[in-house]
Amino acid sequence: MPNYRVGRVSQEIQKEVTDILRKRVRDPRVEGVTVTGVDVTGDLQQATVFYSTLSDDDQAVKETQAGLDKATGLVRKELGSRLTLYKTPELKFSRDESIAYGNKIDTLLNQIKREEE
């Protein structure tokens, strides 16, 4: 039997975390973060929030991760007041590497195209 509730909760968490990061978190390290997805466990106790940044610089990525780790408590508290869940899931922020990987593939394809011309 499919569990539609996990998908709905995941979408709702993504929407609310995006709003919280944009409006409530004042840390400059977190600016420019885009939430790309949320993976919630079946028991709704833990959620992994995937994000992407505009910068691929290792130092900027580390600073963004540190800012998000610092803001986790605030985000979870706000999320608890906005969602109607019995228990607010534990949040873990993880960088979404798929966008950087896609950009790398696109660059390689453009390079091959230029070499053929």
PDB file of N, CA and C in Angstrom:
ATOM      1  N   MET A   1       0.840  -1.175   0.000  1.00  0.00           N
ATOM      2  CA  MET A   1       0.000   0.000   0.000  1.00  0.00           C
ATOM      3  C   MET A   1       0.887   1.240   0.000  1.00  0.00           C
ATOM      4  N   PRO A   2       0.714   2.126  -0.981  1.00  0.00           N
ATOM      5  CA  PRO A   2       1.557   3.321  -1.027  1.00  0.00           C
ATOM      6  C   PRO A   2       1.238   4.274   0.112  1.00  0.00           C
ATOM      7  N   ASN A   3       2.285   4.946   0.542  1.00  0.00           N
ATOM      8  CA  ASN A   3       2.130   5.886   1.649  1.00  0.00           C
ATOM      9  C   ASN A   3       2.187   7.312   1.086  1.00  0.00           C
ATOM     10  N   TYR A   4       1.042   7.879   0.816  1.00  0.00           N
ATOM     11  CA  TYR A   4       0.967   9.215   0.233  1.00  0.00           C
ATOM     12  C   TYR A   4       1.286  10.300   1.245  1.00  0.00           C
ATOM     13  N   ARG A   5       1.119  10.003   2.515  1.00  0.00           N
ATOM     14  CA  ARG A   5       1.332  11.011   3.541  1.00  0.00           C
ATOM     15  C   ARG A   5       2.791  11.469   3.579  1.00  0.00           C
ATOM     16  N   VAL A   6       3.714  10.534   3.387  1.00  0.00           N
ATOM     17  CA  VAL A   6       5.132  10.885   3.398  1.00  0.00           C
ATOM     18  C   VAL A   6       5.425  11.904   2.298  1.00  0.00           C
ATOM     19  N   GLY A   7       4.869  11.704   1.112  1.00  0.00           N
ATOM     20  CA  GLY A   7       5.067  12.633   0.004  1.00  0.00           C
ATOM     21  C   GLY A   7       4.481  14.004   0.287  1.00  0.00           C
ATOM     22  N   ARG A   8       3.285  14.022   0.874  1.00  0.00           N
ATOM     23  CA  ARG A   8       2.651  15.302   1.197  1.00  0.00           C
ATOM     24  C   ARG A   8       3.431  16.054   2.268  1.00  0.00           C
ATOM     25  N   VAL A   9       3.878  15.337   3.297  1.00  0.00           N
ATOM     26  CA  VAL A   9       4.657  15.964   4.366  1.00  0.00           C
ATOM     27  C   VAL A   9       5.985  16.475   3.812  1.00  0.00           C
ATOM     28  N   SER A  10       6.583  15.710   2.921  1.00  0.00           N
ATOM     29  CA  SER A  10       7.837  16.116   2.302  1.00  0.00           C
ATOM     30  C   SER A  10       7.682  17.416   1.523  1.00  0.00           C
ATOM     31  N   GLN A  11       6.629  17.525   0.736  1.00  0.00           N
ATOM     32  CA  GLN A  11       6.375  18.748  -0.029  1.00  0.00           C
ATOM     33  C   GLN A  11       6.093  19.935   0.894  1.00  0.00           C
ATOM     34  N   GLU A  12       5.348  19.685   1.936  1.00  0.00           N
ATOM     35  CA  GLU A  12       5.017  20.762   2.879  1.00  0.00           C
ATOM     36  C   GLU A  12       6.271  21.245   3.612  1.00  0.00           C
ATOM     37  N   ILE A  13       7.136  20.309   4.011  1.00  0.00           N
ATOM     38  CA  ILE A  13       8.385  20.690   4.676  1.00  0.00           C
ATOM     39  C   ILE A  13       9.253  21.505   3.728  1.00  0.00           C
ATOM     40  N   GLN A  14       9.335  21.089   2.462  1.00  0.00           N
ATOM     41  CA  GLN A  14      10.139  21.823   1.493  1.00  0.00           C
ATOM     42  C   GLN A  14       9.637  23.256   1.340  1.00  0.00           C
ATOM     43  N   LYS A  15       8.330  23.412   1.231  1.00  0.00           N
ATOM     44  CA  LYS A  15       7.749  24.748   1.076  1.00  0.00           C
ATOM     45  C   LYS A  15       8.027  25.613   2.296  1.00  0.00           C
ATOM     46  N   GLU A  16       7.823  25.064   3.480  1.00  0.00           N
ATOM     47  CA  GLU A  16       7.992  25.845   4.709  1.00  0.00           C
ATOM     48  C   GLU A  16       9.458  26.153   4.997  1.00  0.00           C
ATOM     49  N   VAL A  17      10.360  25.191   4.758  1.00  0.00           N
ATOM     50  CA  VAL A  17      11.786  25.439   5.005  1.00  0.00           C
ATOM     51  C   VAL A  17      12.293  26.526   4.066  1.00  0.00           C
ATOM     52  N   THR A  18      11.849  26.506   2.815  1.00  0.00           N
ATOM     53  CA  THR A  18      12.228  27.563   1.873  1.00  0.00           C
ATOM     54  C   THR A  18      11.778  28.919   2.393  1.00  0.00           C
ATOM     55  N   ASP A  19      10.547  28.999   2.871  1.00  0.00           N
ATOM     56  CA  ASP A  19      10.009  30.244   3.395  1.00  0.00           C
ATOM     57  C   ASP A  19      10.766  30.687   4.649  1.00  0.00           C
ATOM     58  N   ILE A  20      11.060  29.751   5.532  1.00  0.00           N
ATOM     59  CA  ILE A  20      11.775  30.077   6.773  1.00  0.00           C
ATOM     60  C   ILE A  20      13.181  30.582   6.470  1.00  0.00           C
ATOM     61  N   LEU A  21      13.882  29.899   5.565  1.00  0.00           N
ATOM     62  CA  LEU A  21      15.244  30.319   5.229  1.00  0.00           C
ATOM     63  C   LEU A  21      15.254  31.702   4.590  1.00  0.00           C
ATOM     64  N   ARG A  22      14.242  32.007   3.816  1.00  0.00           N
ATOM     65  CA  ARG A  22      14.196  33.298   3.133  1.00  0.00           C
ATOM     66  C   ARG A  22      13.807  34.426   4.090  1.00  0.00           C
ATOM     67  N   LYS A  23      12.864  34.175   4.993  1.00  0.00           N
ATOM     68  CA  LYS A  23      12.311  35.260   5.803  1.00  0.00           C
ATOM     69  C   LYS A  23      12.832  35.341   7.233  1.00  0.00           C
ATOM     70  N   ARG A  24      13.169  34.215   7.848  1.00  0.00           N
ATOM     71  CA  ARG A  24      13.505  34.225   9.270  1.00  0.00           C
ATOM     72  C   ARG A  24      14.995  34.134   9.573  1.00  0.00           C
ATOM     73  N   VAL A  25      15.732  33.381   8.768  1.00  0.00           N
ATOM     74  CA  VAL A  25      17.157  33.190   9.044  1.00  0.00           C
ATOM     75  C   VAL A  25      17.926  34.380   8.499  1.00  0.00           C
ATOM     76  N   ARG A  26      18.658  35.041   9.373  1.00  0.00           N
ATOM     77  CA  ARG A  26      19.364  36.259   8.990  1.00  0.00           C
ATOM     78  C   ARG A  26      20.857  36.032   8.751  1.00  0.00           C
ATOM     79  N   ASP A  27      21.294  34.812   8.789  1.00  0.00           N
ATOM     80  CA  ASP A  27      22.703  34.481   8.602  1.00  0.00           C
ATOM     81  C   ASP A  27      23.109  34.725   7.145  1.00  0.00           C
ATOM     82  N   PRO A  28      24.113  35.563   6.890  1.00  0.00           N
ATOM     83  CA  PRO A  28      24.504  35.838   5.501  1.00  0.00           C
ATOM     84  C   PRO A  28      25.074  34.620   4.779  1.00  0.00           C
ATOM     85  N   ARG A  29      25.528  33.619   5.533  1.00  0.00           N
ATOM     86  CA  ARG A  29      26.053  32.408   4.896  1.00  0.00           C
ATOM     87  C   ARG A  29      24.954  31.597   4.220  1.00  0.00           C
ATOM     88  N   VAL A  30      23.707  31.819   4.630  1.00  0.00           N
ATOM     89  CA  VAL A  30      22.588  31.035   4.135  1.00  0.00           C
ATOM     90  C   VAL A  30      21.903  31.694   2.933  1.00  0.00           C
ATOM     91  N   GLU A  31      22.260  32.924   2.627  1.00  0.00           N
ATOM     92  CA  GLU A  31      21.623  33.611   1.505  1.00  0.00           C
ATOM     93  C   GLU A  31      21.981  32.925   0.189  1.00  0.00           C
ATOM     94  N   GLY A  32      21.017  32.846  -0.703  1.00  0.00           N
ATOM     95  CA  GLY A  32      21.248  32.219  -1.998  1.00  0.00           C
ATOM     96  C   GLY A  32      21.079  30.719  -1.993  1.00  0.00           C
ATOM     97  N   VAL A  33      20.557  30.160  -0.906  1.00  0.00           N
ATOM     98  CA  VAL A  33      20.337  28.713  -0.819  1.00  0.00           C
ATOM     99  C   VAL A  33      18.969  28.390  -1.410  1.00  0.00           C
ATOM    100  N   THR A  34      18.933  27.377  -2.249  1.00  0.00           N
ATOM    101  CA  THR A  34      17.681  26.909  -2.837  1.00  0.00           C
ATOM    102  C   THR A  34      17.412  25.489  -2.353  1.00  0.00           C
ATOM    103  N   VAL A  35      16.259  25.274  -1.762  1.00  0.00           N
ATOM    104  CA  VAL A  35      15.884  23.935  -1.313  1.00  0.00           C
ATOM    105  C   VAL A  35      15.373  23.168  -2.526  1.00  0.00           C
ATOM    106  N   THR A  36      16.055  22.062  -2.856  1.00  0.00           N
ATOM    107  CA  THR A  36      15.699  21.301  -4.055  1.00  0.00           C
ATOM    108  C   THR A  36      14.832  20.086  -3.749  1.00  0.00           C
ATOM    109  N   GLY A  37      14.831  19.630  -2.517  1.00  0.00           N
ATOM    110  CA  GLY A  37      14.013  18.474  -2.187  1.00  0.00           C
ATOM    111  C   GLY A  37      14.136  18.109  -0.723  1.00  0.00           C
ATOM    112  N   VAL A  38      13.199  17.278  -0.275  1.00  0.00           N
ATOM    113  CA  VAL A  38      13.205  16.805   1.103  1.00  0.00           C
ATOM    114  C   VAL A  38      12.902  15.313   1.085  1.00  0.00           C
ATOM    115  N   ASP A  39      13.713  14.554   1.793  1.00  0.00           N
ATOM    116  CA  ASP A  39      13.508  13.116   1.907  1.00  0.00           C
ATOM    117  C   ASP A  39      13.121  12.819   3.352  1.00  0.00           C
ATOM    118  N   VAL A  40      11.914  12.306   3.567  1.00  0.00           N
ATOM    119  CA  VAL A  40      11.394  12.044   4.904  1.00  0.00           C
ATOM    120  C   VAL A  40      11.320  10.536   5.110  1.00  0.00           C
ATOM    121  N   THR A  41      11.717  10.081   6.300  1.00  0.00           N
ATOM    122  CA  THR A  41      11.609   8.657   6.607  1.00  0.00           C
ATOM    123  C   THR A  41      10.140   8.265   6.741  1.00  0.00           C
ATOM    124  N   GLY A  42       9.870   6.983   6.648  1.00  0.00           N
ATOM    125  CA  GLY A  42       8.491   6.491   6.691  1.00  0.00           C
ATOM    126  C   GLY A  42       7.764   6.801   7.983  1.00  0.00           C
ATOM    127  N   ASP A  43       8.494   6.891   9.098  1.00  0.00           N
ATOM    128  CA  ASP A  43       7.847   7.196  10.377  1.00  0.00           C
ATOM    129  C   ASP A  43       7.786   8.700  10.660  1.00  0.00           C
ATOM    130  N   LEU A  44       8.222   9.512   9.697  1.00  0.00           N
ATOM    131  CA  LEU A  44       8.182  10.985   9.790  1.00  0.00           C
ATOM    132  C   LEU A  44       9.005  11.536  10.949  1.00  0.00           C
ATOM    133  N   GLN A  45      10.032  10.807  11.372  1.00  0.00           N
ATOM    134  CA  GLN A  45      10.859  11.249  12.496  1.00  0.00           C
ATOM    135  C   GLN A  45      12.100  12.015  12.052  1.00  0.00           C
ATOM    136  N   GLN A  46      12.561  11.761  10.817  1.00  0.00           N
ATOM    137  CA  GLN A  46      13.766  12.415  10.322  1.00  0.00           C
ATOM    138  C   GLN A  46      13.536  12.896   8.907  1.00  0.00           C
ATOM    139  N   ALA A  47      14.128  14.037   8.583  1.00  0.00           N
ATOM    140  CA  ALA A  47      14.004  14.602   7.243  1.00  0.00           C
ATOM    141  C   ALA A  47      15.362  15.122   6.797  1.00  0.00           C
ATOM    142  N   THR A  48      15.745  14.762   5.589  1.00  0.00           N
ATOM    143  CA  THR A  48      16.966  15.282   4.986  1.00  0.00           C
ATOM    144  C   THR A  48      16.558  16.339   3.975  1.00  0.00           C
ATOM    145  N   VAL A  49      17.029  17.560   4.171  1.00  0.00           N
ATOM    146  CA  VAL A  49      16.701  18.676   3.300  1.00  0.00           C
ATOM    147  C   VAL A  49      17.867  18.864   2.330  1.00  0.00           C
ATOM    148  N   PHE A  50      17.597  18.691   1.044  1.00  0.00           N
ATOM    149  CA  PHE A  50      18.625  18.859   0.025  1.00  0.00           C
ATOM    150  C   PHE A  50      18.580  20.299  -0.487  1.00  0.00           C
ATOM    151  N   TYR A  51      19.759  20.907  -0.613  1.00  0.00           N
ATOM    152  CA  TYR A  51      19.830  22.293  -1.050  1.00  0.00           C
ATOM    153  C   TYR A  51      20.927  22.446  -2.098  1.00  0.00           C
ATOM    154  N   SER A  52      20.841  23.524  -2.857  1.00  0.00           N
ATOM    155  CA  SER A  52      21.901  23.859  -3.803  1.00  0.00           C
ATOM    156  C   SER A  52      22.258  25.321  -3.622  1.00  0.00           C
ATOM    157  N   THR A  53      23.483  25.647  -4.027  1.00  0.00           N
ATOM    158  CA  THR A  53      23.959  27.025  -3.952  1.00  0.00           C
ATOM    159  C   THR A  53      24.455  27.451  -5.323  1.00  0.00           C
ATOM    160  N   LEU A  54      24.572  28.735  -5.508  1.00  0.00           N
ATOM    161  CA  LEU A  54      25.070  29.244  -6.776  1.00  0.00           C
ATOM    162  C   LEU A  54      26.574  29.056  -6.905  1.00  0.00           C
ATOM    163  N   SER A  55      27.274  29.070  -5.799  1.00  0.00           N
ATOM    164  CA  SER A  55      28.724  28.971  -5.810  1.00  0.00           C
ATOM    165  C   SER A  55      29.163  27.512  -5.696  1.00  0.00           C
ATOM    166  N   ASP A  56      30.187  27.145  -6.459  1.00  0.00           N
ATOM    167  CA  ASP A  56      30.764  25.805  -6.359  1.00  0.00           C
ATOM    168  C   ASP A  56      32.084  25.819  -5.608  1.00  0.00           C
ATOM    169  N   ASP A  57      32.472  26.974  -5.105  1.00  0.00           N
ATOM    170  CA  ASP A  57      33.718  27.128  -4.359  1.00  0.00           C
ATOM    171  C   ASP A  57      33.641  26.309  -3.069  1.00  0.00           C
ATOM    172  N   ASP A  58      34.683  25.523  -2.793  1.00  0.00           N
ATOM    173  CA  ASP A  58      34.671  24.649  -1.614  1.00  0.00           C
ATOM    174  C   ASP A  58      34.511  25.422  -0.312  1.00  0.00           C
ATOM    175  N   GLN A  59      35.173  26.556  -0.204  1.00  0.00           N
ATOM    176  CA  GLN A  59      35.085  27.363   1.021  1.00  0.00           C
ATOM    177  C   GLN A  59      33.663  27.900   1.210  1.00  0.00           C
ATOM    178  N   ALA A  60      33.052  28.383   0.134  1.00  0.00           N
ATOM    179  CA  ALA A  60      31.683  28.905   0.221  1.00  0.00           C
ATOM    180  C   ALA A  60      30.698  27.788   0.575  1.00  0.00           C
ATOM    181  N   VAL A  61      30.918  26.601   0.039  1.00  0.00           N
ATOM    182  CA  VAL A  61      30.045  25.459   0.332  1.00  0.00           C
ATOM    183  C   VAL A  61      30.156  25.088   1.810  1.00  0.00           C
ATOM    184  N   LYS A  62      31.372  25.084   2.336  1.00  0.00           N
ATOM    185  CA  LYS A  62      31.568  24.756   3.754  1.00  0.00           C
ATOM    186  C   LYS A  62      30.914  25.804   4.659  1.00  0.00           C
ATOM    187  N   GLU A  63      31.039  27.079   4.280  1.00  0.00           N
ATOM    188  CA  GLU A  63      30.430  28.144   5.077  1.00  0.00           C
ATOM    189  C   GLU A  63      28.904  28.050   5.043  1.00  0.00           C
ATOM    190  N   THR A  64      28.353  27.732   3.878  1.00  0.00           N
ATOM    191  CA  THR A  64      26.901  27.584   3.764  1.00  0.00           C
ATOM    192  C   THR A  64      26.421  26.423   4.624  1.00  0.00           C
ATOM    193  N   GLN A  65      27.140  25.305   4.579  1.00  0.00           N
ATOM    194  CA  GLN A  65      26.764  24.140   5.395  1.00  0.00           C
ATOM    195  C   GLN A  65      26.836  24.488   6.882  1.00  0.00           C
ATOM    196  N   ALA A  66      27.866  25.234   7.279  1.00  0.00           N
ATOM    197  CA  ALA A  66      27.988  25.650   8.683  1.00  0.00           C
ATOM    198  C   ALA A  66      26.833  26.563   9.079  1.00  0.00           C
ATOM    199  N   GLY A  67      26.451  27.476   8.192  1.00  0.00           N
ATOM    200  CA  GLY A  67      25.320  28.361   8.476  1.00  0.00           C
ATOM    201  C   GLY A  67      24.020  27.600   8.608  1.00  0.00           C
ATOM    202  N   LEU A  68      23.809  26.615   7.746  1.00  0.00           N
ATOM    203  CA  LEU A  68      22.591  25.814   7.829  1.00  0.00           C
ATOM    204  C   LEU A  68      22.580  24.937   9.078  1.00  0.00           C
ATOM    205  N   ASP A  69      23.744  24.381   9.432  1.00  0.00           N
ATOM    206  CA  ASP A  69      23.816  23.583  10.660  1.00  0.00           C
ATOM    207  C   ASP A  69      23.502  24.437  11.880  1.00  0.00           C
ATOM    208  N   LYS A  70      23.967  25.681  11.867  1.00  0.00           N
ATOM    209  CA  LYS A  70      23.710  26.597  12.986  1.00  0.00           C
ATOM    210  C   LYS A  70      22.230  26.973  13.058  1.00  0.00           C
ATOM    211  N   ALA A  71      21.574  27.081  11.895  1.00  0.00           N
ATOM    212  CA  ALA A  71      20.177  27.514  11.846  1.00  0.00           C
ATOM    213  C   ALA A  71      19.185  26.355  11.989  1.00  0.00           C
ATOM    214  N   THR A  72      19.665  25.133  12.123  1.00  0.00           N
ATOM    215  CA  THR A  72      18.777  23.971  12.170  1.00  0.00           C
ATOM    216  C   THR A  72      17.755  24.067  13.305  1.00  0.00           C
ATOM    217  N   GLY A  73      18.188  24.505  14.468  1.00  0.00           N
ATOM    218  CA  GLY A  73      17.279  24.616  15.610  1.00  0.00           C
ATOM    219  C   GLY A  73      16.147  25.599  15.354  1.00  0.00           C
ATOM    220  N   LEU A  74      16.476  26.765  14.821  1.00  0.00           N
ATOM    221  CA  LEU A  74      15.466  27.773  14.508  1.00  0.00           C
ATOM    222  C   LEU A  74      14.495  27.257  13.448  1.00  0.00           C
ATOM    223  N   VAL A  75      15.042  26.626  12.414  1.00  0.00           N
ATOM    224  CA  VAL A  75      14.199  26.111  11.331  1.00  0.00           C
ATOM    225  C   VAL A  75      13.252  25.040  11.873  1.00  0.00           C
ATOM    226  N   ARG A  76      13.764  24.158  12.717  1.00  0.00           N
ATOM    227  CA  ARG A  76      12.912  23.087  13.272  1.00  0.00           C
ATOM    228  C   ARG A  76      11.831  23.658  14.187  1.00  0.00           C
ATOM    229  N   LYS A  77      12.185  24.662  14.978  1.00  0.00           N
ATOM    230  CA  LYS A  77      11.203  25.292  15.868  1.00  0.00           C
ATOM    231  C   LYS A  77      10.090  25.953  15.062  1.00  0.00           C
ATOM    232  N   GLU A  78      10.472  26.702  14.030  1.00  0.00           N
ATOM    233  CA  GLU A  78       9.477  27.351  13.171  1.00  0.00           C
ATOM    234  C   GLU A  78       8.619  26.311  12.455  1.00  0.00           C
ATOM    235  N   LEU A  79       9.260  25.261  11.994  1.00  0.00           N
ATOM    236  CA  LEU A  79       8.549  24.204  11.285  1.00  0.00           C
ATOM    237  C   LEU A  79       7.516  23.549  12.202  1.00  0.00           C
ATOM    238  N   GLY A  80       7.886  23.365  13.460  1.00  0.00           N
ATOM    239  CA  GLY A  80       6.962  22.768  14.426  1.00  0.00           C
ATOM    240  C   GLY A  80       5.728  23.612  14.649  1.00  0.00           C
ATOM    241  N   SER A  81       5.889  24.929  14.598  1.00  0.00           N
ATOM    242  CA  SER A  81       4.726  25.793  14.811  1.00  0.00           C
ATOM    243  C   SER A  81       3.866  25.907  13.552  1.00  0.00           C
ATOM    244  N   ARG A  82       4.448  25.641  12.379  1.00  0.00           N
ATOM    245  CA  ARG A  82       3.695  25.770  11.132  1.00  0.00           C
ATOM    246  C   ARG A  82       3.011  24.479  10.697  1.00  0.00           C
ATOM    247  N   LEU A  83       3.591  23.336  11.026  1.00  0.00           N
ATOM    248  CA  LEU A  83       3.021  22.051  10.608  1.00  0.00           C
ATOM    249  C   LEU A  83       2.159  21.465  11.723  1.00  0.00           C
ATOM    250  N   THR A  84       1.165  20.700  11.311  1.00  0.00           N
ATOM    251  CA  THR A  84       0.315  20.031  12.297  1.00  0.00           C
ATOM    252  C   THR A  84       0.711  18.566  12.368  1.00  0.00           C
ATOM    253  N   LEU A  85       1.897  18.336  12.907  1.00  0.00           N
ATOM    254  CA  LEU A  85       2.396  16.981  13.108  1.00  0.00           C
ATOM    255  C   LEU A  85       2.544  16.738  14.601  1.00  0.00           C
ATOM    256  N   TYR A  86       2.428  15.476  14.988  1.00  0.00           N
ATOM    257  CA  TYR A  86       2.577  15.125  16.396  1.00  0.00           C
ATOM    258  C   TYR A  86       3.982  15.445  16.876  1.00  0.00           C
ATOM    259  N   LYS A  87       4.978  15.088  16.057  1.00  0.00           N
ATOM    260  CA  LYS A  87       6.366  15.359  16.401  1.00  0.00           C
ATOM    261  C   LYS A  87       7.068  15.944  15.179  1.00  0.00           C
ATOM    262  N   THR A  88       7.777  17.042  15.372  1.00  0.00           N
ATOM    263  CA  THR A  88       8.503  17.678  14.278  1.00  0.00           C
ATOM    264  C   THR A  88       9.734  16.832  13.949  1.00  0.00           C
ATOM    265  N   PRO A  89       9.945  16.520  12.682  1.00  0.00           N
ATOM    266  CA  PRO A  89      11.093  15.671  12.326  1.00  0.00           C
ATOM    267  C   PRO A  89      12.435  16.347  12.603  1.00  0.00           C
ATOM    268  N   GLU A  90      13.431  15.521  12.912  1.00  0.00           N
ATOM    269  CA  GLU A  90      14.806  15.998  13.037  1.00  0.00           C
ATOM    270  C   GLU A  90      15.271  16.382  11.642  1.00  0.00           C
ATOM    271  N   LEU A  91      15.915  17.534  11.506  1.00  0.00           N
ATOM    272  CA  LEU A  91      16.350  18.015  10.198  1.00  0.00           C
ATOM    273  C   LEU A  91      17.847  17.813  10.014  1.00  0.00           C
ATOM    274  N   LYS A  92      18.205  17.443   8.794  1.00  0.00           N
ATOM    275  CA  LYS A  92      19.610  17.339   8.401  1.00  0.00           C
ATOM    276  C   LYS A  92      19.729  17.974   7.028  1.00  0.00           C
ATOM    277  N   PHE A  93      20.635  18.926   6.894  1.00  0.00           N
ATOM    278  CA  PHE A  93      20.835  19.597   5.608  1.00  0.00           C
ATOM    279  C   PHE A  93      21.966  18.910   4.853  1.00  0.00           C
ATOM    280  N   SER A  94      21.705  18.625   3.577  1.00  0.00           N
ATOM    281  CA  SER A  94      22.690  17.959   2.736  1.00  0.00           C
ATOM    282  C   SER A  94      22.725  18.648   1.377  1.00  0.00           C
ATOM    283  N   ARG A  95      23.929  18.890   0.868  1.00  0.00           N
ATOM    284  CA  ARG A  95      24.069  19.586  -0.422  1.00  0.00           C
ATOM    285  C   ARG A  95      23.655  18.664  -1.554  1.00  0.00           C
ATOM    286  N   ASP A  96      22.865  19.183  -2.464  1.00  0.00           N
ATOM    287  CA  ASP A  96      22.409  18.439  -3.637  1.00  0.00           C
ATOM    288  C   ASP A  96      23.471  18.584  -4.724  1.00  0.00           C
ATOM    289  N   GLU A  97      24.166  17.504  -5.004  1.00  0.00           N
ATOM    290  CA  GLU A  97      25.262  17.531  -5.973  1.00  0.00           C
ATOM    291  C   GLU A  97      24.782  17.379  -7.406  1.00  0.00           C
ATOM    292  N   SER A  98      23.509  17.091  -7.626  1.00  0.00           N
ATOM    293  CA  SER A  98      23.027  16.803  -8.976  1.00  0.00           C
ATOM    294  C   SER A  98      23.104  18.019  -9.893  1.00  0.00           C
ATOM    295  N   ILE A  99      22.909  19.216  -9.364  1.00  0.00           N
ATOM    296  CA  ILE A  99      22.956  20.417 -10.199  1.00  0.00           C
ATOM    297  C   ILE A  99      24.400  20.692 -10.642  1.00  0.00           C
ATOM    298  N   ALA A 100      25.345  20.553  -9.729  1.00  0.00           N
ATOM    299  CA  ALA A 100      26.755  20.743 -10.090  1.00  0.00           C
ATOM    300  C   ALA A 100      27.190  19.674 -11.093  1.00  0.00           C
ATOM    301  N   TYR A 101      26.713  18.456 -10.900  1.00  0.00           N
ATOM    302  CA  TYR A 101      27.031  17.366 -11.822  1.00  0.00           C
ATOM    303  C   TYR A 101      26.447  17.654 -13.203  1.00  0.00           C
ATOM    304  N   GLY A 102      25.229  18.151 -13.256  1.00  0.00           N
ATOM    305  CA  GLY A 102      24.595  18.506 -14.523  1.00  0.00           C
ATOM    306  C   GLY A 102      25.341  19.617 -15.237  1.00  0.00           C
ATOM    307  N   ASN A 103      25.807  20.609 -14.482  1.00  0.00           N
ATOM    308  CA  ASN A 103      26.590  21.697 -15.073  1.00  0.00           C
ATOM    309  C   ASN A 103      27.912  21.177 -15.642  1.00  0.00           C
ATOM    310  N   LYS A 104      28.526  20.240 -14.935  1.00  0.00           N
ATOM    311  CA  LYS A 104      29.781  19.663 -15.412  1.00  0.00           C
ATOM    312  C   LYS A 104      29.562  18.896 -16.714  1.00  0.00           C
ATOM    313  N   ILE A 105      28.505  18.107 -16.784  1.00  0.00           N
ATOM    314  CA  ILE A 105      28.178  17.356 -17.999  1.00  0.00           C
ATOM    315  C   ILE A 105      27.894  18.313 -19.150  1.00  0.00           C
ATOM    316  N   ASP A 106      27.152  19.380 -18.870  1.00  0.00           N
ATOM    317  CA  ASP A 106      26.838  20.374 -19.898  1.00  0.00           C
ATOM    318  C   ASP A 106      28.105  21.032 -20.441  1.00  0.00           C
ATOM    319  N   THR A 107      29.034  21.366 -19.552  1.00  0.00           N
ATOM    320  CA  THR A 107      30.307  21.960 -19.968  1.00  0.00           C
ATOM    321  C   THR A 107      31.094  20.997 -20.841  1.00  0.00           C
ATOM    322  N   LEU A 108      31.131  19.724 -20.447  1.00  0.00           N
ATOM    323  CA  LEU A 108      31.858  18.734 -21.245  1.00  0.00           C
ATOM    324  C   LEU A 108      31.230  18.552 -22.627  1.00  0.00           C
ATOM    325  N   LEU A 109      29.913  18.536 -22.688  1.00  0.00           N
ATOM    326  CA  LEU A 109      29.239  18.395 -23.981  1.00  0.00           C
ATOM    327  C   LEU A 109      29.506  19.598 -24.883  1.00  0.00           C
ATOM    328  N   ASN A 110      29.500  20.794 -24.308  1.00  0.00           N
ATOM    329  CA  ASN A 110      29.805  21.997 -25.084  1.00  0.00           C
ATOM    330  C   ASN A 110      31.249  21.981 -25.573  1.00  0.00           C
ATOM    331  N   GLN A 111      32.154  21.467 -24.751  1.00  0.00           N
ATOM    332  CA  GLN A 111      33.566  21.369 -25.130  1.00  0.00           C
ATOM    333  C   GLN A 111      33.735  20.380 -26.300  1.00  0.00           C
ATOM    334  N   ILE A 112      33.044  19.263 -26.266  1.00  0.00           N
ATOM    335  CA  ILE A 112      33.109  18.287 -27.347  1.00  0.00           C
ATOM    336  C   ILE A 112      32.542  18.885 -28.633  1.00  0.00           C
ATOM    337  N   LYS A 113      31.465  19.615 -28.508  1.00  0.00           N
ATOM    338  CA  LYS A 113      30.839  20.243 -29.681  1.00  0.00           C
ATOM    339  C   LYS A 113      31.794  21.255 -30.326  1.00  0.00           C
ATOM    340  N   ARG A 114      32.500  22.044 -29.500  1.00  0.00           N
ATOM    341  CA  ARG A 114      33.448  23.021 -30.029  1.00  0.00           C
ATOM    342  C   ARG A 114      34.629  22.334 -30.707  1.00  0.00           C
ATOM    343  N   GLU A 115      35.077  21.212 -30.151  1.00  0.00           N
ATOM    344  CA  GLU A 115      36.194  20.486 -30.739  1.00  0.00           C
ATOM    345  C   GLU A 115      35.838  19.879 -32.091  1.00  0.00           C
ATOM    346  N   GLU A 116      34.593  19.498 -32.286  1.00  0.00           N
ATOM    347  CA  GLU A 116      34.157  18.912 -33.549  1.00  0.00           C
ATOM    348  C   GLU A 116      34.052  19.944 -34.653  1.00  0.00           C
ATOM    349  N   GLU A 117      33.846  21.187 -34.298  1.00  0.00           N
ATOM    350  CA  GLU A 117      33.678  22.241 -35.310  1.00  0.00           C
ATOM    351  C   GLU A 117      34.975  22.692 -35.921  1.00  0.00           C
TER     352      GLU A 117
END
